[in-house]
Amino acid sequence: MTIEQAQQTVDEWINTTGVRYFNELTNMAMLTEEVGEVARIIARRYGEQSEKESDKNKDLGAEMADVLFVLICLANQTGVDLTDALKKNLEKKTLRDADRHKNNPKLL
């Protein structure tokens, strides 16, 4: 599925199953909550915190998909073409960071 297809699919789902988009502020709060769930798994599974028994069966991919879903909702309702935005972002990073990371002794 392309990013464009994902935006269309989410829009179709929202307008049929989901009834309507939550407002932008609600979706921003939901995005923050979902990112927090991803952070919790990463911190406990890959970081220095111990993983609680209740977190051991959490699916990182599913939590990342929740983040992506809400991000796509925000993009759709604010008129952002994520394909175009990502292309522009990669171009910016490529120009800005062409040598930056290669010359960073911390990354060697």
C-alpha atoms as a PDB file:
ATOM      1  CA  MET A   1       0.000   0.000   0.000  1.00  0.00           C
ATOM      2  CA  THR A   2       1.368   3.414  -0.927  1.00  0.00           C
ATOM      3  CA  ILE A   3       1.087   6.405   1.366  1.00  0.00           C
ATOM      4  CA  GLU A   4      -1.503   7.885  -0.985  1.00  0.00           C
ATOM      5  CA  GLN A   5      -3.518   4.668  -0.853  1.00  0.00           C
ATOM      6  CA  ALA A   6      -3.232   4.638   2.932  1.00  0.00           C
ATOM      7  CA  GLN A   7      -4.616   8.172   3.115  1.00  0.00           C
ATOM      8  CA  GLN A   8      -7.519   7.177   0.854  1.00  0.00           C
ATOM      9  CA  THR A   9      -8.195   3.965   2.774  1.00  0.00           C
ATOM     10  CA  VAL A  10      -8.228   5.736   6.129  1.00  0.00           C
ATOM     11  CA  ASP A  11     -10.540   8.416   4.720  1.00  0.00           C
ATOM     12  CA  GLU A  12     -12.938   5.761   3.408  1.00  0.00           C
ATOM     13  CA  TRP A  13     -12.862   3.950   6.759  1.00  0.00           C
ATOM     14  CA  ILE A  14     -13.488   7.162   8.709  1.00  0.00           C
ATOM     15  CA  ASN A  15     -16.417   8.129   6.504  1.00  0.00           C
ATOM     16  CA  THR A  16     -18.076   4.714   6.683  1.00  0.00           C
ATOM     17  CA  THR A  17     -17.133   2.829   9.830  1.00  0.00           C
ATOM     18  CA  GLY A  18     -15.797   5.711  11.883  1.00  0.00           C
ATOM     19  CA  VAL A  19     -18.704   8.043  11.003  1.00  0.00           C
ATOM     20  CA  ARG A  20     -16.538  11.211  11.016  1.00  0.00           C
ATOM     21  CA  TYR A  21     -13.109  12.516  11.935  1.00  0.00           C
ATOM     22  CA  PHE A  22     -12.521  13.614  15.515  1.00  0.00           C
ATOM     23  CA  ASN A  23     -11.478  17.258  15.577  1.00  0.00           C
ATOM     24  CA  GLU A  24      -7.813  18.108  15.104  1.00  0.00           C
ATOM     25  CA  LEU A  25      -7.152  18.794  18.774  1.00  0.00           C
ATOM     26  CA  THR A  26      -8.680  15.470  19.804  1.00  0.00           C
ATOM     27  CA  ASN A  27      -6.611  13.674  17.157  1.00  0.00           C
ATOM     28  CA  MET A  28      -3.475  15.473  18.337  1.00  0.00           C
ATOM     29  CA  ALA A  29      -4.136  14.262  21.876  1.00  0.00           C
ATOM     30  CA  MET A  30      -4.775  10.751  20.554  1.00  0.00           C
ATOM     31  CA  LEU A  31      -1.525  10.855  18.556  1.00  0.00           C
ATOM     32  CA  THR A  32       0.376  11.837  21.685  1.00  0.00           C
ATOM     33  CA  GLU A  33      -1.232   8.973  23.586  1.00  0.00           C
ATOM     34  CA  GLU A  34      -0.380   6.449  20.868  1.00  0.00           C
ATOM     35  CA  VAL A  35       3.239   7.666  20.651  1.00  0.00           C
ATOM     36  CA  GLY A  36       3.430   7.233  24.418  1.00  0.00           C
ATOM     37  CA  GLU A  37       2.356   3.600  24.059  1.00  0.00           C
ATOM     38  CA  VAL A  38       5.130   3.013  21.513  1.00  0.00           C
ATOM     39  CA  ALA A  39       7.616   4.759  23.798  1.00  0.00           C
ATOM     40  CA  ARG A  40       6.594   2.560  26.722  1.00  0.00           C
ATOM     41  CA  ILE A  41       7.261  -0.634  24.750  1.00  0.00           C
ATOM     42  CA  ILE A  42      10.591   0.634  23.388  1.00  0.00           C
ATOM     43  CA  ALA A  43      11.758   1.868  26.803  1.00  0.00           C
ATOM     44  CA  ARG A  44      10.980  -1.427  28.473  1.00  0.00           C
ATOM     45  CA  ARG A  45      11.826  -3.884  25.725  1.00  0.00           C
ATOM     46  CA  TYR A  46      14.951  -2.226  24.318  1.00  0.00           C
ATOM     47  CA  GLY A  47      15.887   0.323  26.977  1.00  0.00           C
ATOM     48  CA  GLU A  48      17.050   0.023  30.514  1.00  0.00           C
ATOM     49  CA  GLN A  49      13.648  -0.208  32.182  1.00  0.00           C
ATOM     50  CA  SER A  50      12.378  -3.649  33.047  1.00  0.00           C
ATOM     51  CA  GLU A  51       9.394  -4.865  31.067  1.00  0.00           C
ATOM     52  CA  LYS A  52       6.278  -5.403  33.126  1.00  0.00           C
ATOM     53  CA  GLU A  53       4.471  -8.697  32.745  1.00  0.00           C
ATOM     54  CA  SER A  54       1.437  -6.857  31.375  1.00  0.00           C
ATOM     55  CA  ASP A  55       3.580  -5.295  28.602  1.00  0.00           C
ATOM     56  CA  LYS A  56       5.357  -8.437  27.405  1.00  0.00           C
ATOM     57  CA  ASN A  57       2.652  -9.412  24.922  1.00  0.00           C
ATOM     58  CA  LYS A  58       2.139  -5.905  23.514  1.00  0.00           C
ATOM     59  CA  ASP A  59       2.588  -5.828  19.752  1.00  0.00           C
ATOM     60  CA  LEU A  60       4.990  -3.022  18.797  1.00  0.00           C
ATOM     61  CA  GLY A  61       3.842  -3.139  15.176  1.00  0.00           C
ATOM     62  CA  ALA A  62       0.213  -2.739  16.181  1.00  0.00           C
ATOM     63  CA  GLU A  63       1.071   0.242  18.360  1.00  0.00           C
ATOM     64  CA  MET A  64       3.091   1.830  15.530  1.00  0.00           C
ATOM     65  CA  ALA A  65       0.126   1.276  13.219  1.00  0.00           C
ATOM     66  CA  ASP A  66      -2.071   3.151  15.719  1.00  0.00           C
ATOM     67  CA  VAL A  67       0.364   6.087  15.498  1.00  0.00           C
ATOM     68  CA  LEU A  68       0.308   5.941  11.707  1.00  0.00           C
ATOM     69  CA  PHE A  69      -3.483   5.781  11.582  1.00  0.00           C
ATOM     70  CA  VAL A  70      -3.955   8.889  13.717  1.00  0.00           C
ATOM     71  CA  LEU A  71      -1.187  10.727  11.847  1.00  0.00           C
ATOM     72  CA  ILE A  72      -2.945   9.926   8.568  1.00  0.00           C
ATOM     73  CA  CYS A  73      -6.222  11.188  10.037  1.00  0.00           C
ATOM     74  CA  LEU A  74      -4.558  14.489  10.922  1.00  0.00           C
ATOM     75  CA  ALA A  75      -3.005  14.736   7.465  1.00  0.00           C
ATOM     76  CA  ASN A  76      -6.331  14.058   5.776  1.00  0.00           C
ATOM     77  CA  GLN A  77      -8.285  16.569   7.773  1.00  0.00           C
ATOM     78  CA  THR A  78      -5.656  19.316   7.402  1.00  0.00           C
ATOM     79  CA  GLY A  79      -5.102  18.759   3.680  1.00  0.00           C
ATOM     80  CA  VAL A  80      -1.548  17.423   3.909  1.00  0.00           C
ATOM     81  CA  ASP A  81      -0.389  15.116   1.115  1.00  0.00           C
ATOM     82  CA  LEU A  82       1.951  12.849   3.079  1.00  0.00           C
ATOM     83  CA  THR A  83       3.616  11.482  -0.070  1.00  0.00           C
ATOM     84  CA  ASP A  84       4.610  14.976  -1.148  1.00  0.00           C
ATOM     85  CA  ALA A  85       5.531  16.013   2.395  1.00  0.00           C
ATOM     86  CA  LEU A  86       7.792  12.978   2.837  1.00  0.00           C
ATOM     87  CA  LYS A  87       9.507  13.551  -0.521  1.00  0.00           C
ATOM     88  CA  LYS A  88      10.211  17.178   0.406  1.00  0.00           C
ATOM     89  CA  ASN A  89      11.425  16.142   3.847  1.00  0.00           C
ATOM     90  CA  LEU A  90      13.862  13.594   2.405  1.00  0.00           C
ATOM     91  CA  GLU A  91      15.166  16.166  -0.091  1.00  0.00           C
ATOM     92  CA  LYS A  92      15.730  18.648   2.749  1.00  0.00           C
ATOM     93  CA  LYS A  93      17.517  16.063   4.877  1.00  0.00           C
ATOM     94  CA  THR A  94      19.658  14.926   1.951  1.00  0.00           C
ATOM     95  CA  LEU A  95      20.843  18.470   1.231  1.00  0.00           C
ATOM     96  CA  ARG A  96      21.332  19.380   4.876  1.00  0.00           C
ATOM     97  CA  ASP A  97      22.919  16.146   6.037  1.00  0.00           C
ATOM     98  CA  ALA A  98      24.912  15.087   2.947  1.00  0.00           C
ATOM     99  CA  ASP A  99      28.151  14.988   4.934  1.00  0.00           C
ATOM    100  CA  ARG A 100      26.996  15.703   8.453  1.00  0.00           C
ATOM    101  CA  HIS A 101      26.461  12.100   9.544  1.00  0.00           C
ATOM    102  CA  LYS A 102      29.492  10.776   7.661  1.00  0.00           C
ATOM    103  CA  ASN A 103      31.674  13.277   9.526  1.00  0.00           C
ATOM    104  CA  ASN A 104      30.187  12.602  12.954  1.00  0.00           C
ATOM    105  CA  PRO A 105      32.754  10.662  15.011  1.00  0.00           C
ATOM    106  CA  LYS A 106      29.989   9.466  17.326  1.00  0.00           C
ATOM    107  CA  LEU A 107      28.517   7.448  14.449  1.00  0.00           C
ATOM    108  CA  LEU A 108      31.735   5.690  13.443  1.00  0.00           C
END
